[in-house]
């Protein structure tokens, strides 16, 4: 995934940039970067954050940054920010998204005698490709439009120029950008949770395909928003931080609604409700309150040293982190009929280990209610996970086992309550050793978010989105 943060200020912006970028650390664990412009040019730093947090990597060199304009990024792909010299002037650039037609764009560039700097693994930096497309035009606005039209996938970006920051949201708004305002400055962010502790108030949600230009005096629209929105539904289910809002809709509010919807469609008896920390907690609270069943914490997360398990590139390391960071509370587990809520089931590997751990601690029953439908289609628009195969998805792997083909009758398997859907869910339940398993219905998830279905990307569940 990844996250962007930019700030324009009448005074030095470095502290705001540092903390604002850090508030996106839940969106990635690979690289972090900052760039600040002053009268001497642009000062930039990029660090690997796979083994240390963003703040610890940049704290010692903050004194080297000085300026009133800055951009930052948490990236799970390429090194960023990039500093580009061009006929448009020198500028910094950060991006979030996924370019599916990279090879085609690079091949066209080579045909025009263009060149790129290779990364350490010999690949081309996607952000450099975006910069190349922008520089083919006679203005930043025209260049951003060209890039948005050329890219298949998604791309939201910030450009750090001499006089301000361009903020451009993905053509179909798959990833969010929001402007924050306070006296003497503006900020633009993927996550609005970066604003409150820095004194910013939400001012404007940038629309799909919209470009705005920010200075310390204010912001102005440079390209209007389009009329088609396909924002990622998974932002509310898992990615987003509970305090954030997208399209004016709070993440924690949606998760509570998701849990309540799960409860209304469930007649299973349980002694307690629990969430898999952290993103399952909001869903579980909604379920517990709707059912009037006590909410308990039979798993507690050891946060001082163990990072998130979703993003590490090595599967064995992901599994190790997942196992070590959750500590069971045996007193709350023994003899209990336990109802768990989680954001989703991706591979199911970690969940299977957790379920076995619960039974080993004396659980009587373990029920699971994911807050979204079965993941059947890999994400085509964001770097959703490190999966390299559709068979990494528990749903798709189960279809392969049931049909002999991993892409047969996908529409039927995605249809909640159909014969094939029920067979898939039952097979996953047995694999995970759960007492019962029941997924969220897509229509209930859409209702919990509160946007029309056609404005949400639900591709990973029903394959319905468009490019």
Protein backbone atom coordinates (compact mmCIF):
# COMPACT_ATOMS: atom_id res chain seq x y z
CA UNK A 1 0.00 0.00 0.00
CA UNK A 2 1.77 3.16 1.19
CA UNK A 3 0.85 6.66 2.32
CA UNK A 4 1.64 10.28 1.42
CA UNK A 5 1.94 13.44 3.49
CA UNK A 6 2.79 16.98 2.47
CA UNK A 7 2.85 20.32 4.26
CA UNK A 8 3.14 23.99 3.27
CA UNK A 9 3.74 26.48 6.05
CA UNK A 10 4.61 30.09 6.76
CA UNK A 11 7.24 28.76 9.17
CA UNK A 12 9.52 25.72 9.22
CA UNK A 13 7.57 22.59 8.27
CA UNK A 14 10.03 19.85 9.23
CA UNK A 15 8.48 18.70 12.52
CA UNK A 16 5.01 18.56 10.97
CA UNK A 17 6.34 16.61 8.00
CA UNK A 18 8.21 14.18 10.24
CA UNK A 19 5.24 13.36 12.46
CA UNK A 20 2.67 13.55 9.67
CA UNK A 21 4.56 11.03 7.55
CA UNK A 22 5.06 8.78 10.57
CA UNK A 23 1.28 8.65 11.05
CA UNK A 24 1.21 6.57 7.84
CA UNK A 25 3.45 3.81 9.19
CA UNK A 26 0.50 1.39 9.44
CA UNK A 27 0.34 1.46 5.62
CA UNK A 28 3.76 -0.02 5.01
CA UNK A 29 7.02 -1.25 6.47
CA UNK A 30 9.54 -1.18 3.63
CA UNK A 31 10.80 2.37 3.00
CA UNK A 32 10.24 5.86 4.31
CA UNK A 33 11.34 9.16 2.82
CA UNK A 34 11.13 12.93 3.22
CA UNK A 35 12.03 15.88 1.00
CA UNK A 36 12.05 19.55 2.05
CA UNK A 37 12.56 22.58 -0.19
CA UNK A 38 14.29 25.78 0.86
CA UNK A 39 16.29 28.54 -0.84
CA UNK A 40 19.19 26.14 -1.42
CA UNK A 41 17.12 23.51 -3.21
CA UNK A 42 15.60 20.22 -2.08
CA UNK A 43 17.06 18.15 0.75
CA UNK A 44 15.99 14.51 0.73
CA UNK A 45 16.52 11.34 2.75
CA UNK A 46 15.28 7.76 2.20
CA UNK A 47 15.63 4.92 4.69
CA UNK A 48 14.79 1.24 4.89
CA UNK A 49 12.23 0.81 7.67
CA UNK A 50 11.78 -2.97 7.52
CA UNK A 51 13.59 -3.48 10.81
CA UNK A 52 13.11 -0.09 12.50
CA UNK A 53 10.30 2.40 12.70
CA UNK A 54 10.18 5.56 10.59
CA UNK A 55 10.81 7.97 13.47
CA UNK A 56 13.89 6.16 14.73
CA UNK A 57 15.43 6.22 11.25
CA UNK A 58 14.98 9.96 10.69
CA UNK A 59 15.25 11.44 14.18
CA UNK A 60 19.03 11.86 14.17
CA UNK A 61 19.10 13.83 10.91
CA UNK A 62 16.11 16.13 11.38
CA UNK A 63 18.43 19.08 12.02
CA UNK A 64 19.63 18.78 8.41
CA UNK A 65 16.14 19.55 7.11
CA UNK A 66 15.02 23.16 6.93
CA UNK A 67 12.25 24.66 4.83
CA UNK A 68 8.61 25.64 4.57
CA UNK A 69 7.56 23.07 1.94
CA UNK A 70 7.91 19.32 2.28
CA UNK A 71 6.60 15.92 1.20
CA UNK A 72 6.95 12.50 2.80
CA UNK A 73 6.07 8.91 1.99
CA UNK A 74 5.79 5.46 3.50
CA UNK A 75 6.38 3.10 0.57
CA UNK A 76 6.11 -0.65 0.22
CA UNK A 77 7.61 -0.61 -3.25
CA UNK A 78 10.22 1.78 -4.60
CA UNK A 79 12.62 4.25 -2.95
CA UNK A 80 11.00 7.67 -2.65
CA UNK A 81 10.93 10.70 -2.83
CA UNK A 82 12.70 11.20 -6.16
CA UNK A 83 14.25 14.54 -7.09
CA UNK A 84 13.78 15.33 -10.78
CA UNK A 85 15.49 17.99 -12.89
CA UNK A 86 13.49 18.93 -15.98
CA UNK A 87 12.34 21.72 -18.30
CA UNK A 88 9.52 22.27 -15.80
CA UNK A 89 12.10 22.96 -13.11
CA UNK A 90 13.40 20.79 -10.33
CA UNK A 91 10.75 18.99 -8.28
CA UNK A 92 10.29 16.20 -5.77
CA UNK A 93 7.74 13.46 -6.30
CA UNK A 94 6.10 10.75 -4.17
CA UNK A 95 3.46 8.27 -5.35
CA UNK A 96 1.13 5.59 -4.02
CA UNK A 97 -0.49 3.00 -6.24
CA UNK A 98 0.32 0.30 -8.73
CA UNK A 99 1.25 0.50 -12.42
CA UNK A 100 0.15 -2.63 -14.25
CA UNK A 101 1.44 -1.54 -17.66
CA UNK A 102 4.97 -0.68 -16.52
CA UNK A 103 6.66 -2.74 -19.24
CA UNK A 104 4.67 -1.02 -21.97
CA UNK A 105 5.38 2.47 -20.62
CA UNK A 106 9.10 1.74 -20.25
CA UNK A 107 9.27 0.23 -23.74
CA UNK A 108 7.66 3.35 -25.23
CA UNK A 109 10.10 5.54 -23.32
CA UNK A 110 13.08 3.57 -24.62
CA UNK A 111 11.73 3.96 -28.16
CA UNK A 112 11.96 7.74 -27.63
CA UNK A 113 15.57 7.39 -26.47
CA UNK A 114 14.62 7.99 -22.82
CA UNK A 115 16.44 6.28 -19.98
CA UNK A 116 15.87 5.29 -16.34
CA UNK A 117 18.14 4.56 -13.41
CA UNK A 118 17.93 0.87 -12.43
CA UNK A 119 17.07 -0.14 -8.89
CA UNK A 120 19.21 -2.64 -7.01
CA UNK A 121 17.17 -5.56 -8.36
CA UNK A 122 17.43 -4.33 -11.95
CA UNK A 123 13.84 -3.10 -12.19
CA UNK A 124 12.61 0.40 -13.02
CA UNK A 125 11.32 2.64 -10.25
CA UNK A 126 7.57 3.17 -10.86
CA UNK A 127 7.74 6.68 -9.42
CA UNK A 128 10.42 7.55 -11.98
CA UNK A 129 8.10 6.36 -14.74
CA UNK A 130 5.39 8.68 -13.41
CA UNK A 131 7.88 11.57 -13.36
CA UNK A 132 8.90 10.76 -16.94
CA UNK A 133 5.29 10.96 -18.11
CA UNK A 134 4.78 14.29 -16.34
CA UNK A 135 7.91 15.78 -17.90
CA UNK A 136 6.70 15.03 -21.42
CA UNK A 137 4.24 17.90 -21.20
CA UNK A 138 4.60 21.68 -20.98
CA UNK A 139 3.09 22.12 -17.52
CA UNK A 140 2.72 20.13 -14.34
CA UNK A 141 -1.04 20.07 -14.77
CA UNK A 142 -0.86 18.67 -18.29
CA UNK A 143 1.82 16.21 -17.23
CA UNK A 144 -0.24 14.91 -14.33
CA UNK A 145 -3.22 14.47 -16.64
CA UNK A 146 -1.05 12.56 -19.12
CA UNK A 147 0.24 10.27 -16.38
CA UNK A 148 -3.25 9.56 -15.07
CA UNK A 149 -4.49 8.70 -18.55
CA UNK A 150 -1.49 6.51 -19.39
CA UNK A 151 -1.33 4.45 -16.19
CA UNK A 152 -3.33 1.25 -15.89
CA UNK A 153 -3.84 0.52 -12.22
CA UNK A 154 -3.76 3.49 -9.87
CA UNK A 155 -1.57 6.44 -8.93
CA UNK A 156 -2.00 9.25 -6.41
CA UNK A 157 0.92 11.66 -6.07
CA UNK A 158 2.44 14.76 -4.53
CA UNK A 159 4.83 17.08 -6.39
CA UNK A 160 7.12 19.42 -4.44
CA UNK A 161 7.82 22.48 -6.61
CA UNK A 162 9.45 25.89 -6.10
CA UNK A 163 6.26 27.56 -4.93
CA UNK A 164 4.03 24.88 -3.50
CA UNK A 165 2.79 21.30 -3.65
CA UNK A 166 0.66 19.67 -6.32
CA UNK A 167 -1.63 16.98 -4.94
CA UNK A 168 -3.28 14.68 -7.48
CA UNK A 169 -5.61 11.84 -6.59
CA UNK A 170 -5.83 8.65 -8.62
CA UNK A 171 -8.05 8.94 -11.70
CA UNK A 172 -10.74 6.73 -10.13
CA UNK A 173 -9.98 7.73 -6.56
CA UNK A 174 -8.87 4.27 -5.47
CA UNK A 175 -6.60 5.83 -2.84
CA UNK A 176 -7.62 8.90 -0.81
CA UNK A 177 -6.11 12.36 -0.42
CA UNK A 178 -7.45 14.93 2.05
CA UNK A 179 -6.45 18.54 2.75
CA UNK A 180 -6.03 19.80 6.31
CA UNK A 181 -5.99 23.45 7.35
CA UNK A 182 -4.69 25.43 10.32
CA UNK A 183 -3.61 29.05 10.73
CA UNK A 184 -0.45 29.63 8.70
CA UNK A 185 -0.40 26.39 6.77
CA UNK A 186 -1.98 23.49 4.92
CA UNK A 187 -1.31 19.77 4.84
CA UNK A 188 -2.33 17.05 2.41
CA UNK A 189 -2.47 13.45 3.51
CA UNK A 190 -3.54 9.94 2.61
CA UNK A 191 -4.72 9.51 6.21
CA UNK A 192 -6.68 12.21 8.02
CA UNK A 193 -5.58 10.67 11.35
CA UNK A 194 -2.33 12.60 10.80
CA UNK A 195 -4.13 15.92 11.35
CA UNK A 196 -5.51 16.27 14.91
CA UNK A 197 -2.30 16.13 16.92
CA UNK A 198 -0.60 18.52 14.49
CA UNK A 199 -3.39 21.07 14.81
CA UNK A 200 -4.96 20.58 11.37
CA UNK A 201 -8.69 20.32 10.67
CA UNK A 202 -10.10 18.46 7.69
CA UNK A 203 -10.79 21.05 5.00
CA UNK A 204 -11.46 19.14 1.77
CA UNK A 205 -11.50 15.61 0.39
CA UNK A 206 -9.79 15.68 -3.01
CA UNK A 207 -11.97 14.02 -5.67
CA UNK A 208 -11.10 11.26 -8.14
CA UNK A 209 -8.71 12.55 -10.79
CA UNK A 210 -8.65 15.99 -9.18
CA UNK A 211 -5.45 18.04 -8.92
CA UNK A 212 -4.99 20.90 -6.46
CA UNK A 213 -2.08 23.25 -5.77
CA UNK A 214 -1.24 24.13 -2.17
CA UNK A 215 0.66 27.12 -0.77
CA UNK A 216 0.76 28.55 2.74
CA UNK A 217 -1.89 31.06 1.63
CA UNK A 218 -4.40 28.43 0.55
CA UNK A 219 -5.18 25.90 -2.16
CA UNK A 220 -6.73 26.09 -5.58
CA UNK A 221 -8.11 23.52 -7.97
CA UNK A 222 -6.01 22.95 -11.09
CA UNK A 223 -7.98 20.03 -12.54
CA UNK A 224 -11.59 19.22 -11.57
CA UNK A 225 -12.61 15.82 -10.21
CA UNK A 226 -14.05 13.16 -12.47
CA UNK A 227 -17.52 11.70 -12.06
CA UNK A 228 -16.43 8.09 -11.45
CA UNK A 229 -15.23 6.92 -8.03
CA UNK A 230 -13.81 3.49 -7.18
CA UNK A 231 -12.33 3.95 -3.72
CA UNK A 232 -10.90 0.80 -2.14
CA UNK A 233 -13.44 -0.70 0.28
CA UNK A 234 -10.65 -2.45 2.14
CA UNK A 235 -9.50 0.92 3.48
CA UNK A 236 -12.41 0.82 5.91
CA UNK A 237 -12.20 -2.93 6.54
CA UNK A 238 -8.47 -3.22 7.25
CA UNK A 239 -5.95 -0.74 5.84
CA UNK A 240 -7.13 2.50 7.35
CA UNK A 241 -6.39 3.76 10.83
CA UNK A 242 -9.51 3.94 13.07
CA UNK A 243 -9.28 7.73 13.46
CA UNK A 244 -9.14 8.36 9.69
CA UNK A 245 -11.94 9.39 7.36
CA UNK A 246 -12.37 8.77 3.64
CA UNK A 247 -15.10 10.60 1.71
CA UNK A 248 -16.16 11.94 5.12
CA UNK A 249 -16.79 8.44 6.53
CA UNK A 250 -14.87 7.36 9.64
CA UNK A 251 -13.06 4.01 9.67
CA UNK A 252 -13.97 2.96 13.23
CA UNK A 253 -17.61 3.86 12.60
CA UNK A 254 -17.71 1.55 9.56
CA UNK A 255 -16.00 -1.29 11.41
CA UNK A 256 -18.55 -1.05 14.20
CA UNK A 257 -21.32 -1.16 11.61
CA UNK A 258 -19.72 -4.20 9.96
CA UNK A 259 -19.69 -6.07 13.25
CA UNK A 260 -23.29 -5.15 13.98
CA UNK A 261 -24.32 -6.43 10.54
CA UNK A 262 -22.54 -9.72 11.18
CA UNK A 263 -24.42 -10.06 14.47
CA UNK A 264 -27.83 -9.40 12.94
CA UNK A 265 -27.32 -12.27 10.50
CA UNK A 266 -26.09 -14.74 13.12
CA UNK A 267 -27.93 -16.97 15.57
CA UNK A 268 -24.85 -18.71 16.98
CA UNK A 269 -24.68 -18.78 20.78
CA UNK A 270 -21.44 -17.61 22.37
CA UNK A 271 -20.14 -16.70 25.82
CA UNK A 272 -17.94 -13.86 24.65
CA UNK A 273 -16.96 -11.81 21.61
CA UNK A 274 -13.36 -10.92 20.77
CA UNK A 275 -11.48 -9.19 17.98
CA UNK A 276 -8.17 -10.25 16.49
CA UNK A 277 -5.97 -7.22 17.35
CA UNK A 278 -5.85 -4.60 16.06
CA UNK A 279 -8.17 -4.18 13.07
CA UNK A 280 -10.64 -6.83 14.27
CA UNK A 281 -11.45 -4.92 17.46
CA UNK A 282 -13.87 -2.38 15.96
CA UNK A 283 -15.77 -5.13 14.15
CA UNK A 284 -15.97 -7.20 17.35
CA UNK A 285 -17.27 -4.27 19.42
CA UNK A 286 -20.07 -3.76 16.92
CA UNK A 287 -20.93 -7.46 17.05
CA UNK A 288 -20.83 -7.64 20.85
CA UNK A 289 -23.01 -4.58 21.40
CA UNK A 290 -25.55 -5.67 18.79
CA UNK A 291 -25.79 -9.14 20.36
CA UNK A 292 -25.43 -7.90 23.95
CA UNK A 293 -22.69 -10.45 24.56
CA UNK A 294 -19.64 -9.47 26.68
CA UNK A 295 -16.58 -8.26 24.79
CA UNK A 296 -13.36 -9.81 26.11
CA UNK A 297 -9.65 -9.85 25.21
CA UNK A 298 -8.52 -13.51 25.18
CA UNK A 299 -5.63 -12.45 22.95
CA UNK A 300 -3.50 -9.45 23.91
CA UNK A 301 -0.99 -7.97 21.52
CA UNK A 302 2.58 -7.42 22.66
CA UNK A 303 3.28 -4.11 20.95
CA UNK A 304 6.58 -2.85 22.42
CA UNK A 305 8.81 -4.83 20.05
CA UNK A 306 6.77 -6.89 17.60
CA UNK A 307 5.83 -5.13 14.33
CA UNK A 308 2.87 -5.85 12.09
CA UNK A 309 2.79 -9.28 10.48
CA UNK A 310 1.00 -8.35 7.27
CA UNK A 311 3.80 -6.73 5.33
CA UNK A 312 7.14 -8.48 5.97
CA UNK A 313 8.28 -9.93 2.66
CA UNK A 314 9.27 -13.35 4.00
CA UNK A 315 6.32 -15.67 4.72
CA UNK A 316 8.14 -17.45 7.56
CA UNK A 317 8.86 -14.10 9.19
CA UNK A 318 5.20 -13.07 8.82
CA UNK A 319 4.10 -16.26 10.54
CA UNK A 320 6.69 -15.86 13.29
CA UNK A 321 5.67 -12.27 14.01
CA UNK A 322 1.98 -13.21 14.02
CA UNK A 323 2.56 -16.03 16.48
CA UNK A 324 4.85 -14.17 18.85
CA UNK A 325 2.94 -10.91 19.11
CA UNK A 326 -0.42 -12.40 20.26
CA UNK A 327 -0.40 -13.74 23.81
CA UNK A 328 -3.38 -15.86 24.95
CA UNK A 329 -5.10 -15.12 28.27
CA UNK A 330 -5.93 -18.65 29.41
CA UNK A 331 -8.30 -17.52 32.17
CA UNK A 332 -10.62 -15.99 29.55
CA UNK A 333 -10.38 -18.96 27.18
CA UNK A 334 -10.93 -22.13 29.19
CA UNK A 335 -14.35 -23.69 28.63
CA UNK A 336 -15.64 -20.72 26.62
CA UNK A 337 -17.69 -20.59 23.43
CA UNK A 338 -15.74 -17.85 21.67
CA UNK A 339 -16.94 -15.63 18.83
CA UNK A 340 -14.07 -13.93 17.01
CA UNK A 341 -14.29 -11.09 14.49
CA UNK A 342 -11.45 -10.19 12.15
CA UNK A 343 -11.10 -7.89 9.17
CA UNK A 344 -10.62 -10.71 6.65
CA UNK A 345 -9.09 -14.08 5.92
CA UNK A 346 -6.34 -13.73 3.31
CA UNK A 347 -4.17 -16.85 3.41
CA UNK A 348 -5.56 -18.26 6.63
CA UNK A 349 -2.14 -19.44 7.84
CA UNK A 350 -1.98 -17.17 10.88
CA UNK A 351 -5.63 -17.71 11.76
CA UNK A 352 -5.20 -21.48 11.73
CA UNK A 353 -2.35 -21.17 14.23
CA UNK A 354 -4.43 -18.85 16.43
CA UNK A 355 -7.38 -21.24 16.42
CA UNK A 356 -5.18 -24.16 17.44
CA UNK A 357 -3.68 -22.02 20.18
CA UNK A 358 -7.16 -21.28 21.54
CA UNK A 359 -8.15 -24.94 21.63
CA UNK A 360 -4.83 -25.80 23.27
CA UNK A 361 -5.73 -23.27 25.98
CA UNK A 362 -9.05 -25.00 26.62
CA UNK A 363 -11.55 -23.21 24.38
CA UNK A 364 -14.82 -25.10 24.06
CA UNK A 365 -15.78 -23.61 20.67
CA UNK A 366 -14.11 -21.12 18.32
CA UNK A 367 -16.34 -19.29 15.83
CA UNK A 368 -15.03 -16.83 13.23
CA UNK A 369 -16.85 -13.95 11.51
CA UNK A 370 -14.72 -12.06 8.95
CA UNK A 371 -15.95 -8.51 8.32
CA UNK A 372 -15.81 -8.89 4.54
CA UNK A 373 -16.69 -11.60 2.00
CA UNK A 374 -14.28 -14.30 0.88
CA UNK A 375 -11.29 -12.87 -0.99
CA UNK A 376 -11.41 -14.50 -4.43
CA UNK A 377 -9.70 -12.06 -6.81
CA UNK A 378 -6.19 -10.62 -6.30
CA UNK A 379 -6.07 -6.83 -6.14
CA UNK A 380 -5.29 -5.33 -9.54
CA UNK A 381 -5.00 -1.75 -8.38
CA UNK A 382 -2.95 -1.56 -5.17
CA UNK A 383 -0.09 -3.52 -3.66
CA UNK A 384 -2.57 -5.27 -1.37
CA UNK A 385 -0.13 -7.93 -0.15
CA UNK A 386 3.09 -9.71 -0.99
CA UNK A 387 1.20 -12.61 -2.60
CA UNK A 388 2.66 -13.68 -5.90
CA UNK A 389 -0.08 -16.18 -6.80
CA UNK A 390 -3.87 -16.16 -6.72
CA UNK A 391 -3.58 -19.48 -4.89
CA UNK A 392 -2.19 -17.60 -1.89
CA UNK A 393 -5.79 -16.52 -1.27
CA UNK A 394 -7.61 -19.05 0.90
CA UNK A 395 -10.76 -18.70 -1.20
CA UNK A 396 -9.03 -19.24 -4.53
CA UNK A 397 -6.97 -22.14 -3.20
CA UNK A 398 -10.14 -23.82 -1.97
CA UNK A 399 -11.81 -23.38 -5.37
CA UNK A 400 -8.81 -25.11 -6.94
CA UNK A 401 -9.20 -28.00 -4.51
CA UNK A 402 -12.95 -28.30 -5.14
CA UNK A 403 -12.95 -27.85 -8.91
CA UNK A 404 -9.49 -28.85 -10.08
CA UNK A 405 -9.26 -25.36 -11.64
CA UNK A 406 -8.64 -22.19 -9.64
CA UNK A 407 -10.67 -19.94 -11.96
CA UNK A 408 -13.85 -21.98 -12.50
CA UNK A 409 -17.31 -20.57 -11.68
CA UNK A 410 -15.88 -17.62 -9.75
CA UNK A 411 -19.17 -15.71 -9.95
CA UNK A 412 -20.99 -18.59 -8.27
CA UNK A 413 -18.38 -18.89 -5.55
CA UNK A 414 -18.65 -15.15 -4.89
CA UNK A 415 -22.45 -15.31 -4.55
CA UNK A 416 -23.26 -15.54 -0.84
CA UNK A 417 -25.54 -18.45 -0.02
CA UNK A 418 -25.08 -20.25 -3.34
CA UNK A 419 -24.33 -23.98 -3.30
CA UNK A 420 -20.75 -23.41 -4.43
CA UNK A 421 -20.21 -20.54 -2.00
CA UNK A 422 -21.41 -22.64 0.93
CA UNK A 423 -19.16 -25.54 -0.14
CA UNK A 424 -16.15 -23.19 -0.30
CA UNK A 425 -16.86 -21.70 3.14
CA UNK A 426 -17.32 -25.14 4.67
CA UNK A 427 -14.02 -26.32 3.20
CA UNK A 428 -12.19 -23.26 4.58
CA UNK A 429 -13.83 -23.86 7.98
CA UNK A 430 -12.53 -27.41 8.10
CA UNK A 431 -9.04 -26.34 7.04
CA UNK A 432 -8.90 -23.76 9.83
CA UNK A 433 -10.43 -26.13 12.43
CA UNK A 434 -13.16 -23.62 13.29
CA UNK A 435 -16.43 -24.57 14.96
CA UNK A 436 -18.34 -22.31 12.57
CA UNK A 437 -17.34 -19.80 9.87
CA UNK A 438 -19.61 -17.20 8.34
CA UNK A 439 -18.46 -14.34 6.11
CA UNK A 440 -19.92 -10.86 5.79
CA UNK A 441 -22.32 -10.42 2.88
CA UNK A 442 -21.14 -7.89 0.32
CA UNK A 443 -24.39 -5.93 0.43
CA UNK A 444 -24.03 -5.58 4.21
CA UNK A 445 -20.44 -4.35 3.87
CA UNK A 446 -21.50 -1.77 1.29
CA UNK A 447 -24.33 -0.63 3.57
CA UNK A 448 -21.93 -0.37 6.53
CA UNK A 449 -19.67 1.96 4.52
CA UNK A 450 -22.58 4.07 3.35
CA UNK A 451 -21.52 4.83 -0.23
CA UNK A 452 -23.33 3.52 -3.32
CA UNK A 453 -21.93 0.20 -4.55
CA UNK A 454 -20.87 1.78 -7.86
CA UNK A 455 -18.56 4.19 -6.00
CA UNK A 456 -16.68 1.40 -4.20
CA UNK A 457 -14.02 -0.95 -5.52
CA UNK A 458 -15.11 -4.44 -4.46
CA UNK A 459 -12.98 -6.23 -7.04
CA UNK A 460 -11.23 -8.58 -4.61
CA UNK A 461 -14.60 -10.05 -3.61
CA UNK A 462 -16.66 -10.05 -6.80
CA UNK A 463 -14.30 -9.04 -9.63
CA UNK A 464 -16.64 -6.18 -10.52
CA UNK A 465 -14.35 -3.15 -10.75
CA UNK A 466 -13.12 -1.59 -13.96
CA UNK A 467 -9.79 -0.22 -15.14
